[in-house]
């Protein structure tokens, strides 16, 4: 009987490990890292506090930092809050990852093509754009992005494409012109 309970415990623990899922990409963010999340809340998630450089200067620029959370690598853009009630807060302005297991709530993931993105999100505003070289201004062959805009949120999901396939995700605030 004692062996039965030990076996049951091992089985339940193994099942729980197998059910741990990768972070989901949504208009709110990627996994536990959300747009607008204050630096203090972000620091509680991470093993060590995020170190800032640019935002601490009087003539500030956003800070871009690399972090890892639950085995997933992220690139975060931190900026000062645009919320009039809390202009001094430093918040997550954008989050990026190229983790191979990432998927959107609708199931678009790494390796999926443009057609799957368009057919999955046909009722959303989508924008397709080629990538350009920052120095020369020339189009980069085989690289593009599809931006998915939310109806009720100032955010967007950016699907990074190489060779017509998803290779990365950005979730960021969508700034209008």
N, C-alpha and C. Protein backbone atom coordinates (compact mmCIF):
# COMPACT_ATOMS: atom_id res chain seq x y z
N UNK A 1 0.82 -1.19 0.00
CA UNK A 1 0.00 0.00 0.00
C UNK A 1 0.87 1.25 0.00
N UNK A 2 1.96 1.23 0.78
CA UNK A 2 2.87 2.35 0.85
C UNK A 2 3.50 2.62 -0.52
N UNK A 3 3.85 1.57 -1.24
CA UNK A 3 4.43 1.71 -2.58
C UNK A 3 3.42 2.34 -3.54
N UNK A 4 2.16 2.02 -3.35
CA UNK A 4 1.13 2.59 -4.20
C UNK A 4 1.10 4.11 -4.08
N UNK A 5 1.17 4.63 -2.84
CA UNK A 5 1.14 6.08 -2.63
C UNK A 5 2.40 6.74 -3.17
N UNK A 6 3.54 6.09 -3.03
CA UNK A 6 4.78 6.62 -3.60
C UNK A 6 4.66 6.68 -5.11
N UNK A 7 4.18 5.61 -5.73
CA UNK A 7 3.99 5.57 -7.17
C UNK A 7 3.00 6.66 -7.61
N UNK A 8 1.91 6.81 -6.89
CA UNK A 8 0.90 7.82 -7.22
C UNK A 8 1.49 9.22 -7.13
N UNK A 9 2.30 9.47 -6.10
CA UNK A 9 2.95 10.78 -5.95
C UNK A 9 3.89 11.08 -7.10
N UNK A 10 4.69 10.09 -7.49
CA UNK A 10 5.61 10.27 -8.62
C UNK A 10 4.83 10.50 -9.90
N UNK A 11 3.78 9.77 -10.12
CA UNK A 11 2.95 9.92 -11.31
C UNK A 11 2.33 11.31 -11.38
N UNK A 12 1.79 11.80 -10.29
CA UNK A 12 1.18 13.13 -10.26
C UNK A 12 2.20 14.23 -10.50
N UNK A 13 3.40 14.08 -9.91
CA UNK A 13 4.44 15.08 -10.11
C UNK A 13 4.91 15.09 -11.56
N UNK A 14 5.10 13.92 -12.15
CA UNK A 14 5.51 13.82 -13.54
C UNK A 14 4.46 14.43 -14.45
N UNK A 15 3.20 14.18 -14.17
CA UNK A 15 2.11 14.75 -14.96
C UNK A 15 2.11 16.27 -14.85
N UNK A 16 2.33 16.80 -13.66
CA UNK A 16 2.36 18.25 -13.46
C UNK A 16 3.51 18.88 -14.23
N UNK A 17 4.69 18.24 -14.21
CA UNK A 17 5.82 18.77 -14.98
C UNK A 17 5.49 18.79 -16.47
N UNK A 18 4.85 17.77 -16.97
CA UNK A 18 4.52 17.69 -18.39
C UNK A 18 3.48 18.71 -18.81
N UNK A 19 2.68 19.20 -17.85
CA UNK A 19 1.64 20.15 -18.19
C UNK A 19 2.10 21.59 -18.07
N UNK A 20 3.31 21.84 -17.60
CA UNK A 20 3.79 23.21 -17.53
C UNK A 20 3.93 23.73 -18.95
N UNK A 21 3.24 24.81 -19.23
CA UNK A 21 3.22 25.31 -20.59
C UNK A 21 4.14 26.50 -20.74
N UNK A 22 4.50 26.76 -21.98
CA UNK A 22 5.31 27.92 -22.30
C UNK A 22 4.46 29.17 -22.20
N UNK A 23 5.09 30.33 -22.02
CA UNK A 23 4.34 31.58 -21.96
C UNK A 23 3.55 31.82 -23.24
N UNK A 24 2.39 32.41 -23.10
CA UNK A 24 1.51 32.70 -24.22
C UNK A 24 1.73 34.14 -24.66
N UNK A 25 1.75 34.34 -25.99
CA UNK A 25 1.88 35.67 -26.57
C UNK A 25 0.47 36.25 -26.73
N UNK A 26 0.24 37.42 -26.14
CA UNK A 26 -1.05 38.09 -26.28
C UNK A 26 -0.82 39.59 -26.40
N UNK A 27 -1.88 40.32 -26.65
CA UNK A 27 -1.75 41.77 -26.72
C UNK A 27 -1.38 42.39 -25.37
N UNK A 28 -1.50 41.62 -24.30
CA UNK A 28 -1.13 42.10 -22.97
C UNK A 28 0.37 41.97 -22.71
N UNK A 29 1.04 41.03 -23.38
CA UNK A 29 2.46 40.79 -23.17
C UNK A 29 2.81 39.36 -23.54
N UNK A 30 3.92 38.89 -23.04
CA UNK A 30 4.35 37.51 -23.26
C UNK A 30 4.50 36.87 -21.89
N UNK A 31 3.68 35.86 -21.64
CA UNK A 31 3.71 35.18 -20.36
C UNK A 31 3.42 36.14 -19.22
N UNK A 32 4.26 36.07 -18.19
CA UNK A 32 4.06 36.90 -16.99
C UNK A 32 4.54 38.33 -17.19
N UNK A 33 5.26 38.61 -18.27
CA UNK A 33 5.76 39.96 -18.52
C UNK A 33 4.72 40.70 -19.34
N UNK A 34 4.14 41.72 -18.73
CA UNK A 34 3.02 42.46 -19.33
C UNK A 34 3.42 43.89 -19.67
N UNK A 35 2.83 44.42 -20.73
CA UNK A 35 3.03 45.82 -21.06
C UNK A 35 2.50 46.68 -19.91
N UNK A 36 3.23 47.73 -19.58
CA UNK A 36 2.82 48.63 -18.52
C UNK A 36 3.20 48.15 -17.13
N UNK A 37 3.76 46.94 -17.03
CA UNK A 37 4.19 46.42 -15.73
C UNK A 37 5.28 47.33 -15.18
N UNK A 38 5.13 47.72 -13.93
CA UNK A 38 6.12 48.58 -13.31
C UNK A 38 7.39 47.79 -13.02
N UNK A 39 8.50 48.52 -13.01
CA UNK A 39 9.80 47.89 -12.78
C UNK A 39 9.83 47.14 -11.45
N UNK A 40 9.18 47.66 -10.44
CA UNK A 40 9.16 47.00 -9.14
C UNK A 40 8.52 45.61 -9.23
N UNK A 41 7.42 45.49 -9.96
CA UNK A 41 6.75 44.20 -10.14
C UNK A 41 7.61 43.26 -10.98
N UNK A 42 8.27 43.81 -12.01
CA UNK A 42 9.16 43.03 -12.85
C UNK A 42 10.31 42.48 -12.03
N UNK A 43 10.89 43.31 -11.19
CA UNK A 43 12.02 42.88 -10.36
C UNK A 43 11.64 41.73 -9.43
N UNK A 44 10.39 41.69 -8.97
CA UNK A 44 9.94 40.59 -8.10
C UNK A 44 9.86 39.27 -8.86
N UNK A 45 9.60 39.33 -10.18
CA UNK A 45 9.54 38.11 -11.00
C UNK A 45 10.92 37.53 -11.28
N UNK A 46 11.90 38.40 -11.40
CA UNK A 46 13.23 38.00 -11.87
C UNK A 46 14.15 37.64 -10.71
N UNK A 47 15.18 36.83 -10.99
CA UNK A 47 16.14 36.46 -9.94
C UNK A 47 16.92 37.65 -9.39
N UNK A 48 17.13 38.68 -10.22
CA UNK A 48 17.88 39.87 -9.80
C UNK A 48 17.20 41.10 -10.40
N UNK A 49 17.26 42.23 -9.72
CA UNK A 49 16.63 43.44 -10.25
C UNK A 49 17.26 43.88 -11.58
N UNK A 50 16.44 44.45 -12.43
CA UNK A 50 16.90 44.98 -13.71
C UNK A 50 17.75 46.22 -13.45
N UNK A 51 18.91 46.27 -14.10
CA UNK A 51 19.82 47.41 -13.95
C UNK A 51 19.54 48.41 -15.06
N UNK A 52 19.28 49.66 -14.69
CA UNK A 52 18.99 50.72 -15.65
C UNK A 52 20.21 51.59 -15.87
N UNK A 53 20.29 52.16 -17.04
CA UNK A 53 21.38 53.07 -17.37
C UNK A 53 20.81 54.37 -17.94
N UNK A 54 20.08 54.26 -19.04
CA UNK A 54 19.60 55.44 -19.75
C UNK A 54 18.51 56.20 -19.01
N UNK A 55 17.58 55.50 -18.38
CA UNK A 55 16.45 56.15 -17.73
C UNK A 55 16.83 56.91 -16.47
N UNK A 56 18.03 56.67 -15.97
CA UNK A 56 18.48 57.35 -14.76
C UNK A 56 19.15 58.69 -15.06
N UNK A 57 19.36 58.99 -16.33
CA UNK A 57 20.01 60.24 -16.71
C UNK A 57 18.95 61.32 -16.91
N UNK A 58 19.38 62.59 -16.85
CA UNK A 58 18.42 63.69 -17.01
C UNK A 58 17.87 63.73 -18.44
N UNK A 59 18.72 63.50 -19.41
CA UNK A 59 18.28 63.39 -20.82
C UNK A 59 18.14 61.91 -21.12
N UNK A 60 17.01 61.32 -20.74
CA UNK A 60 16.83 59.88 -20.77
C UNK A 60 16.40 59.36 -22.13
N UNK A 61 16.76 58.13 -22.31
CA UNK A 61 16.29 57.31 -23.43
C UNK A 61 15.82 56.01 -22.82
N UNK A 62 14.97 55.26 -23.53
CA UNK A 62 14.53 53.96 -23.00
C UNK A 62 15.72 53.03 -22.80
N UNK A 63 15.58 52.11 -21.86
CA UNK A 63 16.59 51.09 -21.62
C UNK A 63 16.13 49.79 -22.26
N UNK A 64 17.03 49.08 -22.90
CA UNK A 64 16.77 47.75 -23.44
C UNK A 64 17.62 46.78 -22.65
N UNK A 65 16.96 45.76 -22.08
CA UNK A 65 17.67 44.81 -21.23
C UNK A 65 17.32 43.38 -21.64
N UNK A 66 18.25 42.48 -21.39
CA UNK A 66 18.05 41.05 -21.63
C UNK A 66 17.77 40.39 -20.29
N UNK A 67 16.71 39.60 -20.23
CA UNK A 67 16.39 38.87 -18.99
C UNK A 67 15.99 37.45 -19.34
N UNK A 68 16.01 36.60 -18.34
CA UNK A 68 15.53 35.23 -18.50
C UNK A 68 14.55 34.94 -17.37
N UNK A 69 13.43 34.33 -17.73
CA UNK A 69 12.41 33.98 -16.77
C UNK A 69 11.89 32.60 -17.13
N UNK A 70 11.96 31.68 -16.21
CA UNK A 70 11.49 30.30 -16.39
C UNK A 70 12.07 29.66 -17.66
N UNK A 71 13.36 29.91 -17.89
CA UNK A 71 14.04 29.30 -19.02
C UNK A 71 13.80 29.96 -20.37
N UNK A 72 13.08 31.08 -20.39
CA UNK A 72 12.79 31.79 -21.64
C UNK A 72 13.56 33.10 -21.65
N UNK A 73 14.29 33.36 -22.75
CA UNK A 73 15.03 34.61 -22.90
C UNK A 73 14.10 35.69 -23.45
N UNK A 74 14.21 36.87 -22.87
CA UNK A 74 13.42 38.02 -23.29
C UNK A 74 14.32 39.22 -23.51
N UNK A 75 13.89 40.08 -24.39
CA UNK A 75 14.47 41.41 -24.52
C UNK A 75 13.34 42.37 -24.15
N UNK A 76 13.61 43.25 -23.20
CA UNK A 76 12.60 44.19 -22.72
C UNK A 76 13.02 45.62 -23.02
N UNK A 77 12.06 46.43 -23.39
CA UNK A 77 12.28 47.87 -23.50
C UNK A 77 11.54 48.50 -22.34
N UNK A 78 12.29 49.21 -21.50
CA UNK A 78 11.71 49.89 -20.35
C UNK A 78 11.73 51.38 -20.62
N UNK A 79 10.64 52.05 -20.24
CA UNK A 79 10.52 53.48 -20.49
C UNK A 79 9.76 54.11 -19.35
N UNK A 80 9.74 55.42 -19.32
CA UNK A 80 8.96 56.11 -18.31
C UNK A 80 7.49 56.02 -18.68
N UNK A 81 6.65 55.94 -17.68
CA UNK A 81 5.22 55.78 -17.87
C UNK A 81 4.62 57.00 -18.57
N UNK A 82 3.64 56.74 -19.42
CA UNK A 82 2.90 57.83 -20.06
C UNK A 82 1.64 58.17 -19.27
N UNK A 83 1.39 57.43 -18.21
CA UNK A 83 0.23 57.66 -17.35
C UNK A 83 0.43 58.95 -16.57
N UNK A 84 -0.44 59.91 -16.78
CA UNK A 84 -0.34 61.21 -16.12
C UNK A 84 -0.31 61.09 -14.59
N UNK A 85 -0.95 60.05 -14.04
CA UNK A 85 -1.02 59.89 -12.60
C UNK A 85 0.29 59.36 -12.01
N UNK A 86 1.16 58.80 -12.85
CA UNK A 86 2.38 58.18 -12.34
C UNK A 86 3.53 58.32 -13.34
N UNK A 87 3.84 59.57 -13.70
CA UNK A 87 4.87 59.83 -14.71
C UNK A 87 6.26 59.39 -14.28
N UNK A 88 6.49 59.21 -13.00
CA UNK A 88 7.83 58.83 -12.54
C UNK A 88 8.07 57.32 -12.63
N UNK A 89 7.01 56.55 -12.85
CA UNK A 89 7.16 55.09 -12.89
C UNK A 89 7.91 54.65 -14.14
N UNK A 90 8.70 53.61 -13.98
CA UNK A 90 9.38 52.98 -15.12
C UNK A 90 8.63 51.69 -15.39
N UNK A 91 8.23 51.51 -16.67
CA UNK A 91 7.35 50.40 -17.03
C UNK A 91 7.90 49.64 -18.23
N UNK A 92 7.38 48.43 -18.41
CA UNK A 92 7.69 47.64 -19.60
C UNK A 92 6.94 48.26 -20.77
N UNK A 93 7.68 48.67 -21.77
CA UNK A 93 7.11 49.32 -22.94
C UNK A 93 6.98 48.35 -24.11
N UNK A 94 7.87 47.35 -24.14
CA UNK A 94 7.84 46.33 -25.18
C UNK A 94 8.55 45.09 -24.67
N UNK A 95 8.13 43.93 -25.17
CA UNK A 95 8.75 42.66 -24.79
C UNK A 95 8.93 41.83 -26.05
N UNK A 96 10.08 41.17 -26.17
CA UNK A 96 10.43 40.40 -27.37
C UNK A 96 10.99 39.05 -26.95
N UNK A 97 10.69 38.03 -27.74
CA UNK A 97 11.32 36.73 -27.52
C UNK A 97 11.32 35.95 -28.83
N UNK A 98 12.32 35.08 -28.93
CA UNK A 98 12.43 34.16 -30.06
C UNK A 98 12.40 32.72 -29.56
N UNK A 99 11.82 32.49 -28.40
CA UNK A 99 11.74 31.15 -27.85
C UNK A 99 10.93 30.26 -28.78
N UNK A 100 11.44 29.09 -29.07
CA UNK A 100 10.84 28.20 -30.08
C UNK A 100 9.47 27.66 -29.67
N UNK A 101 9.13 27.71 -28.40
CA UNK A 101 7.85 27.15 -27.94
C UNK A 101 6.73 28.18 -27.85
N UNK A 102 7.01 29.45 -28.12
CA UNK A 102 5.98 30.48 -27.98
C UNK A 102 4.89 30.34 -29.03
N UNK A 103 3.67 30.64 -28.58
CA UNK A 103 2.50 30.66 -29.46
C UNK A 103 1.55 31.73 -28.97
N UNK A 104 0.72 32.22 -29.88
CA UNK A 104 -0.34 33.12 -29.48
C UNK A 104 -1.49 32.29 -28.92
N UNK A 105 -2.46 32.96 -28.32
CA UNK A 105 -3.62 32.24 -27.80
C UNK A 105 -4.37 31.51 -28.90
N UNK A 106 -4.28 32.02 -30.11
CA UNK A 106 -4.96 31.38 -31.25
C UNK A 106 -4.11 30.32 -31.92
N UNK A 107 -2.93 30.04 -31.39
CA UNK A 107 -2.12 28.93 -31.88
C UNK A 107 -1.08 29.24 -32.93
N UNK A 108 -0.84 30.53 -33.25
CA UNK A 108 0.21 30.87 -34.21
C UNK A 108 1.54 30.85 -33.45
N UNK A 109 2.48 30.07 -33.97
CA UNK A 109 3.76 29.91 -33.30
C UNK A 109 4.93 29.98 -34.24
N UNK A 110 6.08 29.69 -33.69
CA UNK A 110 7.32 29.70 -34.47
C UNK A 110 7.21 28.73 -35.64
N UNK A 111 7.67 29.18 -36.79
CA UNK A 111 7.66 28.35 -37.98
C UNK A 111 6.39 28.46 -38.81
N UNK A 112 5.34 29.07 -38.24
CA UNK A 112 4.11 29.25 -39.03
C UNK A 112 4.33 30.32 -40.09
N UNK A 113 3.53 30.26 -41.16
CA UNK A 113 3.74 31.18 -42.27
C UNK A 113 2.73 32.33 -42.27
N UNK A 114 2.94 33.26 -43.22
CA UNK A 114 2.10 34.45 -43.33
C UNK A 114 0.63 34.08 -43.50
N UNK A 115 0.37 33.09 -44.31
CA UNK A 115 -1.01 32.69 -44.57
C UNK A 115 -1.73 32.28 -43.29
N UNK A 116 -1.04 31.55 -42.42
CA UNK A 116 -1.67 31.15 -41.16
C UNK A 116 -1.98 32.37 -40.30
N UNK A 117 -1.07 33.33 -40.26
CA UNK A 117 -1.31 34.55 -39.48
C UNK A 117 -2.53 35.28 -40.03
N UNK A 118 -2.55 35.50 -41.35
CA UNK A 118 -3.64 36.24 -41.97
C UNK A 118 -4.97 35.51 -41.81
N UNK A 119 -4.98 34.22 -42.01
CA UNK A 119 -6.25 33.48 -41.89
C UNK A 119 -6.72 33.39 -40.43
N UNK A 120 -5.79 33.31 -39.50
CA UNK A 120 -6.15 33.24 -38.09
C UNK A 120 -6.69 34.57 -37.58
N UNK A 121 -6.13 35.65 -38.07
CA UNK A 121 -6.49 36.98 -37.57
C UNK A 121 -7.16 37.83 -38.65
N UNK A 122 -7.97 37.21 -39.51
CA UNK A 122 -8.60 37.93 -40.62
C UNK A 122 -9.57 39.01 -40.15
N UNK A 123 -10.07 38.93 -38.93
CA UNK A 123 -11.00 39.93 -38.42
C UNK A 123 -10.31 41.02 -37.59
N UNK A 124 -8.99 41.07 -37.66
CA UNK A 124 -8.22 42.10 -36.96
C UNK A 124 -7.53 42.99 -37.98
N UNK A 125 -7.07 44.14 -37.51
CA UNK A 125 -6.28 45.00 -38.39
C UNK A 125 -4.86 44.46 -38.43
N UNK A 126 -4.40 44.14 -39.64
CA UNK A 126 -3.05 43.62 -39.86
C UNK A 126 -2.29 44.56 -40.79
N UNK A 127 -1.02 44.67 -40.57
CA UNK A 127 -0.17 45.45 -41.44
C UNK A 127 1.08 44.64 -41.74
N UNK A 128 1.38 44.45 -43.01
CA UNK A 128 2.56 43.71 -43.45
C UNK A 128 3.59 44.71 -43.94
N UNK A 129 4.83 44.57 -43.50
CA UNK A 129 5.88 45.51 -43.89
C UNK A 129 7.19 44.77 -44.10
N UNK A 130 7.94 45.17 -45.15
CA UNK A 130 9.27 44.60 -45.33
C UNK A 130 10.23 45.18 -44.29
N UNK A 131 11.33 44.48 -44.03
CA UNK A 131 12.38 45.01 -43.14
C UNK A 131 13.37 45.79 -43.99
N UNK A 132 13.90 46.87 -43.41
CA UNK A 132 14.87 47.70 -44.10
C UNK A 132 16.16 47.76 -43.31
N UNK A 133 17.28 47.86 -44.01
CA UNK A 133 18.58 48.05 -43.39
C UNK A 133 18.65 49.47 -42.83
N UNK A 134 19.03 49.62 -41.57
CA UNK A 134 19.05 50.92 -40.91
C UNK A 134 20.03 51.90 -41.56
N UNK A 135 21.15 51.40 -42.06
CA UNK A 135 22.17 52.28 -42.64
C UNK A 135 21.88 52.65 -44.08
N UNK A 136 21.60 51.66 -44.92
CA UNK A 136 21.43 51.92 -46.35
C UNK A 136 20.00 52.24 -46.73
N UNK A 137 19.04 51.82 -45.93
CA UNK A 137 17.64 52.03 -46.27
C UNK A 137 17.10 51.00 -47.26
N UNK A 138 17.93 50.03 -47.64
CA UNK A 138 17.52 49.02 -48.61
C UNK A 138 16.70 47.94 -47.92
N UNK A 139 15.76 47.37 -48.67
CA UNK A 139 14.97 46.26 -48.14
C UNK A 139 15.89 45.07 -47.88
N UNK A 140 15.61 44.35 -46.80
CA UNK A 140 16.36 43.14 -46.49
C UNK A 140 15.58 41.97 -47.05
N UNK A 141 16.15 41.30 -48.03
CA UNK A 141 15.47 40.21 -48.69
C UNK A 141 15.11 39.09 -47.71
N UNK A 142 13.86 38.68 -47.75
CA UNK A 142 13.40 37.56 -46.95
C UNK A 142 12.98 37.91 -45.54
N UNK A 143 13.08 39.19 -45.14
CA UNK A 143 12.68 39.58 -43.79
C UNK A 143 11.51 40.56 -43.86
N UNK A 144 10.52 40.31 -43.00
CA UNK A 144 9.37 41.20 -42.93
C UNK A 144 8.71 41.07 -41.57
N UNK A 145 7.71 41.89 -41.34
CA UNK A 145 6.93 41.82 -40.11
C UNK A 145 5.45 41.91 -40.44
N UNK A 146 4.65 41.31 -39.59
CA UNK A 146 3.20 41.51 -39.63
C UNK A 146 2.82 42.05 -38.27
N UNK A 147 2.16 43.20 -38.29
CA UNK A 147 1.70 43.82 -37.05
C UNK A 147 0.21 43.56 -36.89
N UNK A 148 -0.16 43.04 -35.75
CA UNK A 148 -1.55 42.75 -35.40
C UNK A 148 -1.97 43.75 -34.34
N UNK A 149 -2.99 44.56 -34.65
CA UNK A 149 -3.44 45.59 -33.73
C UNK A 149 -4.70 45.14 -33.01
N UNK A 150 -4.79 45.45 -31.73
CA UNK A 150 -5.98 45.12 -30.95
C UNK A 150 -7.05 46.17 -31.12
N UNK A 151 -8.29 45.76 -30.94
CA UNK A 151 -9.41 46.69 -31.06
C UNK A 151 -9.56 47.56 -29.81
N UNK A 152 -9.35 46.97 -28.66
CA UNK A 152 -9.63 47.64 -27.39
C UNK A 152 -8.38 47.91 -26.57
N UNK A 153 -7.23 47.90 -27.20
CA UNK A 153 -5.99 48.09 -26.47
C UNK A 153 -5.02 48.89 -27.33
N UNK A 154 -4.15 49.66 -26.72
CA UNK A 154 -3.16 50.41 -27.49
C UNK A 154 -1.92 49.58 -27.83
N UNK A 155 -2.09 48.27 -27.87
CA UNK A 155 -0.95 47.37 -28.08
C UNK A 155 -1.01 46.68 -29.43
N UNK A 156 0.11 46.07 -29.78
CA UNK A 156 0.19 45.27 -31.01
C UNK A 156 1.12 44.09 -30.78
N UNK A 157 0.85 43.02 -31.54
CA UNK A 157 1.78 41.90 -31.61
C UNK A 157 2.49 42.03 -32.95
N UNK A 158 3.79 41.96 -32.92
CA UNK A 158 4.58 42.01 -34.15
C UNK A 158 5.16 40.62 -34.37
N UNK A 159 4.81 40.03 -35.50
CA UNK A 159 5.34 38.73 -35.89
C UNK A 159 6.58 39.00 -36.74
N UNK A 160 7.74 38.58 -36.27
CA UNK A 160 8.97 38.70 -37.06
C UNK A 160 9.04 37.52 -38.02
N UNK A 161 9.25 37.80 -39.30
CA UNK A 161 9.28 36.75 -40.30
C UNK A 161 10.62 36.73 -41.03
N UNK A 162 11.13 35.54 -41.23
CA UNK A 162 12.30 35.32 -42.09
C UNK A 162 11.94 34.19 -43.03
N UNK A 163 12.10 34.43 -44.32
CA UNK A 163 11.72 33.43 -45.30
C UNK A 163 10.23 33.11 -45.22
N UNK A 164 9.43 34.08 -44.80
CA UNK A 164 7.98 33.89 -44.72
C UNK A 164 7.51 33.12 -43.50
N UNK A 165 8.40 32.79 -42.57
CA UNK A 165 8.06 32.01 -41.37
C UNK A 165 8.31 32.84 -40.11
N UNK A 166 7.48 32.62 -39.10
CA UNK A 166 7.62 33.32 -37.82
C UNK A 166 8.89 32.86 -37.12
N UNK A 167 9.73 33.84 -36.73
CA UNK A 167 10.96 33.55 -36.00
C UNK A 167 11.03 34.30 -34.66
N UNK A 168 10.07 35.18 -34.43
CA UNK A 168 10.08 35.93 -33.18
C UNK A 168 8.81 36.73 -33.00
N UNK A 169 8.59 37.16 -31.77
CA UNK A 169 7.42 37.97 -31.41
C UNK A 169 7.85 39.21 -30.64
N UNK A 170 7.23 40.31 -30.95
CA UNK A 170 7.29 41.52 -30.14
C UNK A 170 5.87 41.81 -29.69
N UNK A 171 5.71 42.26 -28.46
CA UNK A 171 4.44 42.83 -28.01
C UNK A 171 4.83 44.21 -27.51
N UNK A 172 4.18 45.25 -28.07
CA UNK A 172 4.56 46.62 -27.75
C UNK A 172 3.36 47.54 -27.84
N UNK A 173 3.54 48.73 -27.29
CA UNK A 173 2.51 49.74 -27.47
C UNK A 173 2.56 50.21 -28.92
N UNK A 174 1.40 50.38 -29.51
CA UNK A 174 1.29 50.85 -30.88
C UNK A 174 1.17 52.37 -30.85
N UNK A 175 2.19 53.04 -31.31
CA UNK A 175 2.17 54.48 -31.34
C UNK A 175 1.60 54.94 -32.67
N UNK A 176 0.61 55.78 -32.63
CA UNK A 176 0.00 56.29 -33.85
C UNK A 176 0.85 57.38 -34.46
N UNK A 177 0.53 57.70 -35.70
CA UNK A 177 1.27 58.76 -36.40
C UNK A 177 0.72 60.11 -36.05
